Amino acid sequence: MVADINLASKSVLIYDASDTRSIISSFIGYNCAIPHYRELQTTGCDLEIIHHCEEIVANNLNEAGEERKYLYNNMLQHIRSIQYNYVYYDARHVSDVQIIVNKINQLYLMHFVDLTEKNRQKCYCGITNNLDRRMEEHRNRDFNIYGNEVHAIVCMNSNIAICAERLLSADYSTNKVSVIGRNDIDTSSAGNGAEQDTCIVYLLMPKSLIME
């Protein structure tokens, strides 16, 4: 998402998808260093500016009509995500599902194996098209997240993400109702988050399952 947040007028302009793509392309073309613009850091005065933006978006959310609430809420979750430990890995060039599965297994061994006493079922794997929104749903409906630490792999497409989740469901907790054969690629049994643009596979540790 791309928005223009005016600190003086306290207004928020959220751009539509076509404008968003062109704006992001412009920043990438300039190596994210367009003249007169700079990237905000998450400390000091910059952090105060971010908190100010958060407050403005929250106020606009409260006053928005039903058609705009979804957009403002998404923007608010994106801003608030800076307080969490979300780590993204770019796998958009990977067409082999097993490589995604192997990466999740590697992340488990690096970050969660001791916490779970080597029990992978104590970790949760899922897929989504919006990590910030999905993590907020987990916090509100399911569980708190240990250390607010989430490892997310951005896959090539939804088919890769769905197939990876299916394979991972044999070892990790997921939202799937049942586990289908490891070589089955029927996408009808995918867990929560299986929208057309779902391409993020994530791994986290529910705080309630940490060993005492």
Protein backbone atom coordinates (compact mmCIF):
# COMPACT_ATOMS: atom_id res chain seq x y z
CA MET A 1 0.00 0.00 0.00
CA VAL A 2 1.02 3.60 -0.63
CA ALA A 3 -0.53 6.57 1.15
CA ASP A 4 0.09 10.30 1.41
CA ILE A 5 -0.29 11.27 5.09
CA ASN A 6 -0.38 15.03 5.65
CA LEU A 7 0.85 15.84 9.15
CA ALA A 8 -0.51 19.40 9.00
CA SER A 9 -4.04 18.74 7.74
CA LYS A 10 -4.15 15.24 9.32
CA SER A 11 -5.56 13.83 6.09
CA VAL A 12 -4.77 10.48 4.46
CA LEU A 13 -4.82 9.75 0.73
CA ILE A 14 -4.52 6.05 -0.03
CA TYR A 15 -3.59 5.47 -3.67
CA ASP A 16 -5.32 2.89 -5.80
CA ALA A 17 -3.48 -0.21 -7.04
CA SER A 18 -2.44 1.20 -10.44
CA ASP A 19 -0.93 4.35 -8.92
CA THR A 20 0.73 2.31 -6.17
CA ARG A 21 2.62 0.18 -8.68
CA SER A 22 3.97 3.19 -10.56
CA ILE A 23 5.02 4.98 -7.34
CA ILE A 24 6.84 1.92 -6.01
CA SER A 25 8.53 1.43 -9.38
CA SER A 26 9.76 5.03 -9.24
CA PHE A 27 11.33 4.49 -5.83
CA ILE A 28 12.97 1.24 -6.94
CA GLY A 29 14.27 2.95 -10.07
CA TYR A 30 15.99 5.55 -7.90
CA ASN A 31 17.28 2.91 -5.44
CA CYS A 32 14.69 4.22 -2.96
CA ALA A 33 16.45 7.62 -2.92
CA ILE A 34 14.24 10.02 -4.87
CA PRO A 35 15.34 13.66 -4.37
CA HIS A 36 13.45 15.41 -1.52
CA TYR A 37 12.36 12.06 -0.06
CA ARG A 38 14.09 9.90 2.54
CA GLU A 39 13.35 6.65 4.34
CA LEU A 40 12.25 7.09 7.94
CA GLN A 41 14.19 5.21 10.58
CA THR A 42 12.43 3.56 13.53
CA THR A 43 14.27 5.50 16.25
CA GLY A 44 14.43 9.02 17.63
CA CYS A 45 12.56 11.83 15.90
CA ASP A 46 11.67 9.60 12.95
CA LEU A 47 9.85 7.24 15.28
CA GLU A 48 7.84 10.18 16.63
CA ILE A 49 6.82 11.03 13.06
CA ILE A 50 5.74 7.42 12.49
CA HIS A 51 3.66 7.46 15.69
CA HIS A 52 2.08 10.72 14.53
CA CYS A 53 1.18 9.08 11.21
CA GLU A 54 -0.27 6.12 13.09
CA GLU A 55 -2.49 8.43 15.14
CA ILE A 56 -3.70 10.24 12.01
CA VAL A 57 -4.57 6.98 10.23
CA ALA A 58 -6.35 5.67 13.35
CA ASN A 59 -8.45 8.85 13.56
CA ASN A 60 -9.33 8.62 9.86
CA LEU A 61 -10.28 4.98 10.38
CA ASN A 62 -12.71 5.91 13.15
CA GLU A 63 -14.36 8.54 10.98
CA ALA A 64 -14.36 6.60 7.69
CA GLY A 65 -17.40 5.09 6.00
CA GLU A 66 -17.68 1.34 5.67
CA GLU A 67 -16.15 1.32 2.17
CA ARG A 68 -12.93 2.97 3.40
CA LYS A 69 -12.52 1.27 6.79
CA TYR A 70 -10.84 -1.79 5.28
CA LEU A 71 -8.17 0.32 3.55
CA TYR A 72 -7.47 2.47 6.61
CA ASN A 73 -7.28 -0.60 8.85
CA ASN A 74 -4.80 -2.27 6.49
CA MET A 75 -2.65 0.87 6.46
CA LEU A 76 -2.79 1.06 10.25
CA GLN A 77 -1.63 -2.55 10.62
CA HIS A 78 1.25 -1.92 8.22
CA ILE A 79 2.41 1.08 10.26
CA ARG A 80 2.11 -0.78 13.56
CA SER A 81 4.12 -3.73 12.24
CA ILE A 82 7.37 -1.85 12.88
CA GLN A 83 7.03 -2.77 16.56
CA TYR A 84 7.12 -6.48 15.71
CA ASN A 85 9.92 -8.79 14.63
CA TYR A 86 8.80 -9.76 11.15
CA VAL A 87 11.54 -11.11 8.88
CA TYR A 88 10.86 -11.53 5.16
CA TYR A 89 12.71 -13.82 2.74
CA ASP A 90 12.32 -13.28 -1.00
CA ALA A 91 11.71 -16.58 -2.82
CA ARG A 92 9.81 -15.19 -5.81
CA HIS A 93 12.38 -16.76 -8.13
CA VAL A 94 11.96 -20.27 -6.64
CA SER A 95 9.70 -22.71 -8.49
CA ASP A 96 10.57 -25.82 -6.43
CA VAL A 97 8.16 -26.23 -3.51
CA GLN A 98 10.62 -28.41 -1.62
CA ILE A 99 13.07 -25.51 -1.39
CA ILE A 100 10.40 -23.49 0.45
CA VAL A 101 9.78 -26.42 2.81
CA ASN A 102 13.51 -26.79 3.42
CA LYS A 103 13.80 -23.07 4.22
CA ILE A 104 11.01 -23.31 6.80
CA ASN A 105 12.71 -26.31 8.36
CA GLN A 106 16.00 -24.38 8.48
CA LEU A 107 14.28 -21.41 10.16
CA TYR A 108 12.74 -23.75 12.72
CA LEU A 109 16.15 -25.21 13.58
CA MET A 110 17.70 -21.74 13.82
CA HIS A 111 15.03 -20.06 15.94
CA PHE A 112 12.59 -22.47 17.60
CA VAL A 113 14.02 -25.96 18.06
CA ASP A 114 15.10 -25.43 21.69
CA LEU A 115 11.88 -23.62 22.63
CA THR A 116 9.78 -26.53 21.40
CA GLU A 117 11.95 -29.35 22.79
CA LYS A 118 12.36 -30.51 19.17
CA ASN A 119 8.59 -30.85 18.72
CA ARG A 120 7.74 -29.11 15.42
CA GLN A 121 4.01 -29.39 16.12
CA LYS A 122 4.43 -26.64 18.71
CA CYS A 123 5.22 -24.21 15.89
CA TYR A 124 2.58 -22.84 13.57
CA CYS A 125 2.82 -22.56 9.78
CA GLY A 126 0.34 -20.68 7.65
CA ILE A 127 -0.15 -18.84 4.38
CA THR A 128 -1.52 -15.37 3.75
CA ASN A 129 -1.63 -12.48 1.31
CA ASN A 130 -1.17 -9.89 4.08
CA LEU A 131 1.18 -10.78 6.94
CA ASP A 132 0.40 -7.73 9.09
CA ARG A 133 -3.35 -8.31 8.98
CA ARG A 134 -3.00 -12.08 9.53
CA MET A 135 -0.79 -11.67 12.59
CA GLU A 136 -3.29 -9.25 14.11
CA GLU A 137 -6.02 -11.84 13.50
CA HIS A 138 -3.92 -14.44 15.31
CA ARG A 139 -3.41 -12.12 18.28
CA ASN A 140 -7.10 -11.26 18.50
CA ARG A 141 -8.57 -14.71 17.82
CA ASP A 142 -5.99 -17.45 18.31
CA PHE A 143 -2.84 -16.85 20.35
CA ASN A 144 -0.08 -14.43 21.29
CA ILE A 145 3.12 -14.77 19.28
CA TYR A 146 6.36 -15.57 21.07
CA GLY A 147 8.65 -12.55 20.88
CA ASN A 148 6.36 -11.20 18.13
CA GLU A 149 8.78 -13.13 15.91
CA VAL A 150 7.48 -14.23 12.52
CA HIS A 151 9.50 -15.57 9.59
CA ALA A 152 7.78 -15.07 6.23
CA ILE A 153 8.78 -16.45 2.84
CA VAL A 154 7.38 -14.60 -0.18
CA CYS A 155 6.76 -17.27 -2.82
CA MET A 156 6.46 -17.08 -6.59
CA ASN A 157 2.68 -17.57 -6.56
CA SER A 158 -0.23 -18.97 -4.55
CA ASN A 159 0.20 -22.51 -5.91
CA ILE A 160 3.71 -22.68 -4.49
CA ALA A 161 2.53 -21.34 -1.12
CA ILE A 162 -0.44 -23.71 -0.91
CA CYS A 163 1.62 -26.77 -1.83
CA ALA A 164 4.31 -25.79 0.68
CA GLU A 165 1.71 -25.44 3.44
CA ARG A 166 0.35 -28.87 2.61
CA LEU A 167 3.76 -30.50 2.90
CA LEU A 168 4.57 -28.60 6.07
CA SER A 169 1.29 -29.65 7.70
CA ALA A 170 2.76 -33.11 8.19
CA ASP A 171 5.21 -31.69 10.76
CA TYR A 172 3.85 -28.32 11.93
CA SER A 173 0.52 -27.07 13.26
CA THR A 174 -1.59 -25.41 10.54
CA ASN A 175 -5.17 -24.31 10.00
CA LYS A 176 -5.87 -27.22 7.67
CA VAL A 177 -8.82 -29.41 8.57
CA SER A 178 -7.04 -32.54 7.42
CA VAL A 179 -3.70 -33.57 6.00
CA ILE A 180 -3.72 -34.89 2.44
CA GLY A 181 -0.98 -37.07 0.95
CA ARG A 182 2.36 -35.31 0.66
CA ASN A 183 2.37 -35.50 -3.15
CA ASP A 184 -1.25 -34.36 -3.59
CA ILE A 185 -1.52 -30.86 -5.09
CA ASP A 186 -5.30 -30.39 -4.86
CA THR A 187 -5.60 -26.82 -3.58
CA SER A 188 -9.13 -27.29 -2.21
CA SER A 189 -7.77 -28.30 1.20
CA ALA A 190 -5.56 -25.28 1.77
CA GLY A 191 -5.69 -23.63 5.16
CA ASN A 192 -6.78 -20.11 6.01
CA GLY A 193 -5.47 -17.37 3.75
CA ALA A 194 -5.74 -19.21 0.43
CA GLU A 195 -6.79 -16.24 -1.68
CA GLN A 196 -5.79 -15.86 -5.31
CA ASP A 197 -2.88 -13.56 -4.39
CA THR A 198 -1.77 -15.57 -1.36
CA CYS A 199 1.96 -16.12 -1.72
CA ILE A 200 3.43 -15.78 1.80
CA VAL A 201 4.32 -18.84 3.88
CA TYR A 202 5.07 -18.00 7.51
CA LEU A 203 6.41 -19.70 10.63
CA LEU A 204 5.86 -18.60 14.23
CA MET A 205 5.76 -19.91 17.79
CA PRO A 206 2.52 -19.49 19.77
CA LYS A 207 3.50 -18.05 23.13
CA SER A 208 1.15 -20.38 25.04
CA LEU A 209 3.07 -23.46 23.83
CA ILE A 210 6.53 -22.50 25.08
CA MET A 211 7.94 -25.10 27.45
CA GLU A 212 7.98 -24.10 31.09
